Each structure stands twice: as C-alpha cells, then as structure tokens.
C-alpha cells in the first residue's frame, strides 16, 4: 500500500513539474500525450506493485509465430 501511495505522489510531482510549462506554451497535443503516458505508466506501476499479472507482449508474438514457423519448417524440410 505504501508503494502505491509513493507512486501516486511521484506521478503528481512529475505532473506538477512538467504541466505548467506545457500549459504556458499552449501545447495542447503534447499535454494530452504527456498526461496519457503518465497515466498509463502510473497505472502499470501500481499494478506491478500490487502483484497483478500483466501480460507480456512477447508471449502474444510467440503464439502467433509458432504455427507459422512450424508450417515453414514442414515445407522447407
């Protein structure tokens, strides 16, 4: 629980440091991208600290390419 609070405090510190500059310069698109990435990163960090199983993208790639690889090995051998 303490790690979740720490992550939220850290994310708020980062936001309060970066966002005023983006707002002053009226960089709306950059502000949206920054906010989205900060939210995604904070959410992933909280999930990781709570030991939630987060799927690994390489597992999906392996599941897609394994049948293709086996088919090509069958054709080439």
N, C-alpha and C. Protein backbone atom coordinates (compact mmCIF):
# COMPACT_ATOMS: atom_id res chain seq x y z
N UNK A 1 0.82 -1.19 0.00
CA UNK A 1 0.00 0.00 0.00
C UNK A 1 0.86 1.26 0.00
N UNK A 2 1.96 1.19 0.72
CA UNK A 2 2.86 2.34 0.77
C UNK A 2 3.48 2.61 -0.60
N UNK A 3 3.76 1.55 -1.34
CA UNK A 3 4.33 1.73 -2.67
C UNK A 3 3.34 2.39 -3.62
N UNK A 4 2.05 2.09 -3.47
CA UNK A 4 1.02 2.71 -4.31
C UNK A 4 0.96 4.21 -4.01
N UNK A 5 0.97 4.55 -2.74
CA UNK A 5 0.95 5.97 -2.36
C UNK A 5 2.20 6.67 -2.87
N UNK A 6 3.35 6.00 -2.76
CA UNK A 6 4.59 6.58 -3.26
C UNK A 6 4.55 6.82 -4.76
N UNK A 7 3.99 5.88 -5.51
CA UNK A 7 3.88 6.05 -6.96
C UNK A 7 2.95 7.20 -7.32
N UNK A 8 1.86 7.32 -6.60
CA UNK A 8 0.92 8.41 -6.88
C UNK A 8 1.56 9.76 -6.56
N UNK A 9 2.26 9.83 -5.43
CA UNK A 9 2.94 11.08 -5.07
C UNK A 9 4.00 11.43 -6.11
N UNK A 10 4.76 10.44 -6.55
CA UNK A 10 5.78 10.67 -7.58
C UNK A 10 5.16 11.14 -8.89
N UNK A 11 4.06 10.52 -9.29
CA UNK A 11 3.38 10.93 -10.53
C UNK A 11 2.85 12.36 -10.41
N UNK A 12 2.32 12.70 -9.25
CA UNK A 12 1.84 14.07 -9.05
C UNK A 12 2.98 15.08 -9.08
N UNK A 13 4.12 14.73 -8.50
CA UNK A 13 5.29 15.61 -8.55
C UNK A 13 5.76 15.83 -9.99
N UNK A 14 5.80 14.76 -10.75
CA UNK A 14 6.20 14.87 -12.16
C UNK A 14 5.21 15.74 -12.92
N UNK A 15 3.92 15.53 -12.67
CA UNK A 15 2.89 16.32 -13.37
C UNK A 15 2.98 17.79 -12.99
N UNK A 16 3.14 18.09 -11.71
CA UNK A 16 3.23 19.50 -11.29
C UNK A 16 4.51 20.17 -11.79
N UNK A 17 5.53 19.39 -12.09
CA UNK A 17 6.77 19.95 -12.62
C UNK A 17 6.67 20.22 -14.12
N UNK A 18 6.07 19.29 -14.85
CA UNK A 18 6.06 19.38 -16.31
C UNK A 18 4.86 20.13 -16.89
N UNK A 19 3.71 19.99 -16.29
CA UNK A 19 2.48 20.52 -16.90
C UNK A 19 2.40 22.04 -16.99
N UNK A 20 2.87 22.81 -16.01
CA UNK A 20 2.76 24.27 -16.16
C UNK A 20 3.47 24.81 -17.40
N UNK A 21 4.61 24.24 -17.73
CA UNK A 21 5.33 24.68 -18.92
C UNK A 21 4.53 24.39 -20.18
N UNK A 22 3.94 23.21 -20.24
CA UNK A 22 3.14 22.86 -21.41
C UNK A 22 1.89 23.73 -21.51
N UNK A 23 1.31 24.07 -20.38
CA UNK A 23 0.12 24.92 -20.39
C UNK A 23 0.48 26.34 -20.81
N UNK A 24 1.60 26.86 -20.30
CA UNK A 24 2.02 28.23 -20.65
C UNK A 24 2.30 28.36 -22.14
N UNK A 25 2.93 27.34 -22.70
CA UNK A 25 3.27 27.38 -24.12
C UNK A 25 2.11 26.94 -25.01
N UNK A 26 0.97 26.63 -24.40
CA UNK A 26 -0.24 26.22 -25.10
C UNK A 26 0.00 25.01 -26.02
N UNK A 27 0.72 24.06 -25.51
CA UNK A 27 0.99 22.83 -26.27
C UNK A 27 -0.02 21.78 -25.84
N UNK A 28 -1.20 21.87 -26.44
CA UNK A 28 -2.32 21.03 -26.04
C UNK A 28 -2.08 19.56 -26.41
N UNK A 29 -1.58 19.31 -27.61
CA UNK A 29 -1.35 17.93 -28.04
C UNK A 29 -0.29 17.27 -27.16
N UNK A 30 0.79 17.99 -26.89
CA UNK A 30 1.84 17.45 -26.04
C UNK A 30 1.33 17.20 -24.63
N UNK A 31 0.46 18.07 -24.15
CA UNK A 31 -0.13 17.90 -22.83
C UNK A 31 -0.98 16.63 -22.76
N UNK A 32 -1.75 16.37 -23.81
CA UNK A 32 -2.55 15.15 -23.85
C UNK A 32 -1.67 13.91 -23.90
N UNK A 33 -0.64 13.95 -24.72
CA UNK A 33 0.25 12.79 -24.82
C UNK A 33 0.97 12.56 -23.50
N UNK A 34 1.49 13.64 -22.90
CA UNK A 34 2.17 13.54 -21.62
C UNK A 34 1.25 12.96 -20.55
N UNK A 35 0.04 13.49 -20.48
CA UNK A 35 -0.91 13.03 -19.47
C UNK A 35 -1.28 11.57 -19.68
N UNK A 36 -1.48 11.19 -20.93
CA UNK A 36 -1.84 9.80 -21.24
C UNK A 36 -0.72 8.84 -20.85
N UNK A 37 0.50 9.18 -21.25
CA UNK A 37 1.63 8.31 -20.94
C UNK A 37 1.90 8.25 -19.44
N UNK A 38 1.75 9.37 -18.75
CA UNK A 38 1.94 9.38 -17.30
C UNK A 38 0.88 8.52 -16.62
N UNK A 39 -0.35 8.61 -17.09
CA UNK A 39 -1.43 7.81 -16.52
C UNK A 39 -1.21 6.32 -16.78
N UNK A 40 -0.80 5.98 -17.99
CA UNK A 40 -0.53 4.57 -18.31
C UNK A 40 0.63 4.04 -17.48
N UNK A 41 1.70 4.82 -17.40
CA UNK A 41 2.86 4.40 -16.63
C UNK A 41 2.56 4.25 -15.15
N UNK A 42 1.81 5.19 -14.61
CA UNK A 42 1.44 5.12 -13.20
C UNK A 42 0.54 3.91 -12.95
N UNK A 43 -0.39 3.68 -13.84
CA UNK A 43 -1.29 2.52 -13.69
C UNK A 43 -0.51 1.21 -13.74
N UNK A 44 0.42 1.11 -14.67
CA UNK A 44 1.24 -0.10 -14.77
C UNK A 44 2.11 -0.28 -13.53
N UNK A 45 2.66 0.82 -13.02
CA UNK A 45 3.47 0.75 -11.81
C UNK A 45 2.65 0.30 -10.61
N UNK A 46 1.45 0.83 -10.48
CA UNK A 46 0.57 0.43 -9.38
C UNK A 46 0.19 -1.04 -9.51
N UNK A 47 -0.14 -1.47 -10.71
CA UNK A 47 -0.49 -2.87 -10.93
C UNK A 47 0.69 -3.78 -10.59
N UNK A 48 1.87 -3.38 -10.98
CA UNK A 48 3.07 -4.17 -10.70
C UNK A 48 3.35 -4.23 -9.20
N UNK A 49 3.15 -3.11 -8.51
CA UNK A 49 3.41 -3.11 -7.06
C UNK A 49 2.37 -3.92 -6.29
N UNK A 50 1.18 -4.08 -6.87
CA UNK A 50 0.14 -4.90 -6.24
C UNK A 50 0.21 -6.36 -6.70
N UNK A 51 1.24 -6.71 -7.46
CA UNK A 51 1.49 -8.06 -7.96
C UNK A 51 0.36 -8.58 -8.85
N UNK A 52 -0.17 -7.70 -9.67
CA UNK A 52 -1.17 -8.09 -10.66
C UNK A 52 -0.42 -8.66 -11.87
N UNK A 53 -0.91 -9.77 -12.39
CA UNK A 53 -0.27 -10.38 -13.54
C UNK A 53 -0.51 -9.51 -14.78
N UNK A 54 0.56 -8.98 -15.33
CA UNK A 54 0.48 -8.13 -16.52
C UNK A 54 0.98 -8.96 -17.70
N UNK A 55 0.15 -9.11 -18.74
CA UNK A 55 0.58 -9.93 -19.88
C UNK A 55 1.79 -9.33 -20.59
N UNK A 56 2.66 -10.21 -21.03
CA UNK A 56 3.86 -9.82 -21.72
C UNK A 56 3.60 -9.88 -23.23
N UNK A 57 3.88 -8.82 -23.98
CA UNK A 57 3.61 -8.83 -25.42
C UNK A 57 4.39 -9.90 -26.18
N UNK A 58 5.55 -10.29 -25.68
CA UNK A 58 6.33 -11.30 -26.39
C UNK A 58 5.60 -12.65 -26.40
N UNK A 59 4.79 -12.91 -25.38
CA UNK A 59 4.00 -14.15 -25.36
C UNK A 59 3.01 -14.18 -26.51
N UNK A 60 2.39 -13.06 -26.80
CA UNK A 60 1.45 -12.98 -27.92
C UNK A 60 2.17 -13.20 -29.24
N UNK A 61 3.35 -12.62 -29.38
CA UNK A 61 4.13 -12.78 -30.61
C UNK A 61 4.51 -14.24 -30.81
N UNK A 62 4.92 -14.90 -29.73
CA UNK A 62 5.29 -16.32 -29.82
C UNK A 62 4.09 -17.16 -30.25
N UNK A 63 2.91 -16.88 -29.70
CA UNK A 63 1.71 -17.64 -30.05
C UNK A 63 1.33 -17.44 -31.51
N UNK A 64 1.60 -16.27 -32.05
CA UNK A 64 1.27 -16.00 -33.45
C UNK A 64 2.28 -16.66 -34.39
N UNK A 65 3.56 -16.56 -34.06
CA UNK A 65 4.59 -17.01 -34.99
C UNK A 65 4.94 -18.49 -34.87
N UNK A 66 4.58 -19.15 -33.79
CA UNK A 66 4.91 -20.57 -33.65
C UNK A 66 4.24 -21.42 -34.73
N UNK A 67 2.94 -21.29 -34.98
CA UNK A 67 2.35 -22.10 -36.07
C UNK A 67 2.93 -21.77 -37.44
N UNK A 68 3.23 -20.52 -37.67
CA UNK A 68 3.82 -20.12 -38.96
C UNK A 68 5.20 -20.74 -39.11
N UNK A 69 5.98 -20.71 -38.04
CA UNK A 69 7.31 -21.29 -38.07
C UNK A 69 7.26 -22.80 -38.29
N UNK A 70 6.33 -23.48 -37.62
CA UNK A 70 6.20 -24.92 -37.80
C UNK A 70 5.77 -25.27 -39.22
N UNK A 71 4.88 -24.46 -39.79
CA UNK A 71 4.44 -24.70 -41.16
C UNK A 71 5.61 -24.52 -42.13
N UNK A 72 6.38 -23.47 -41.95
CA UNK A 72 7.53 -23.23 -42.83
C UNK A 72 8.59 -24.31 -42.66
N UNK A 73 8.81 -24.78 -41.45
CA UNK A 73 9.76 -25.87 -41.24
C UNK A 73 9.29 -27.14 -41.93
N UNK A 74 7.99 -27.40 -41.92
CA UNK A 74 7.45 -28.58 -42.60
C UNK A 74 7.61 -28.48 -44.11
N UNK A 75 7.46 -27.30 -44.66
CA UNK A 75 7.58 -27.10 -46.10
C UNK A 75 9.05 -27.16 -46.53
N UNK A 76 9.93 -26.58 -45.75
CA UNK A 76 11.33 -26.48 -46.14
C UNK A 76 12.13 -27.75 -45.86
N UNK A 77 11.66 -28.57 -44.95
CA UNK A 77 12.43 -29.78 -44.61
C UNK A 77 11.98 -30.95 -45.40
